[in-house]
Amino acid sequence: MHLTSMARWAAAQDSGALVAPSLATEGFLHCAFADQVGGVIERHWRGAGEIMALTLDPQKLAGRLRVERSAGSGQDYPHLYGELPLAAVLSAQRMRTPEV
């Protein structure tokens, strides 16, 4: 899964692909396995209001999706090396994040 802001999701609808700031700064888009999403929202999205949770089709990401160890948490997370084409999004769910 990939979590994104409503504004980035809207921009992706126009361009056909989603690009997150981490692509420029870290070289990849952060993703999470379904059982990690709650913790990611708690740590990084608390107070953000509405966001989109995107379920991805790994088959359509042509080897650009890699599972790697996070230095901060010690857990393995999927990282997408490149922009996220909308064709690889299986579903998009609007979520409300917890308040600060």
Foldseek 3Di string as FASTA:
>chain_A
DAKFAPVQVVVCVVVQWGDDPCCVVPQWGWAADPVCVVVCCVVPVAAVFKIKDFDFAPVVLVPQWDWDADPVPRDTTIIGRDIGGPVGTPDIDIDTGHHD
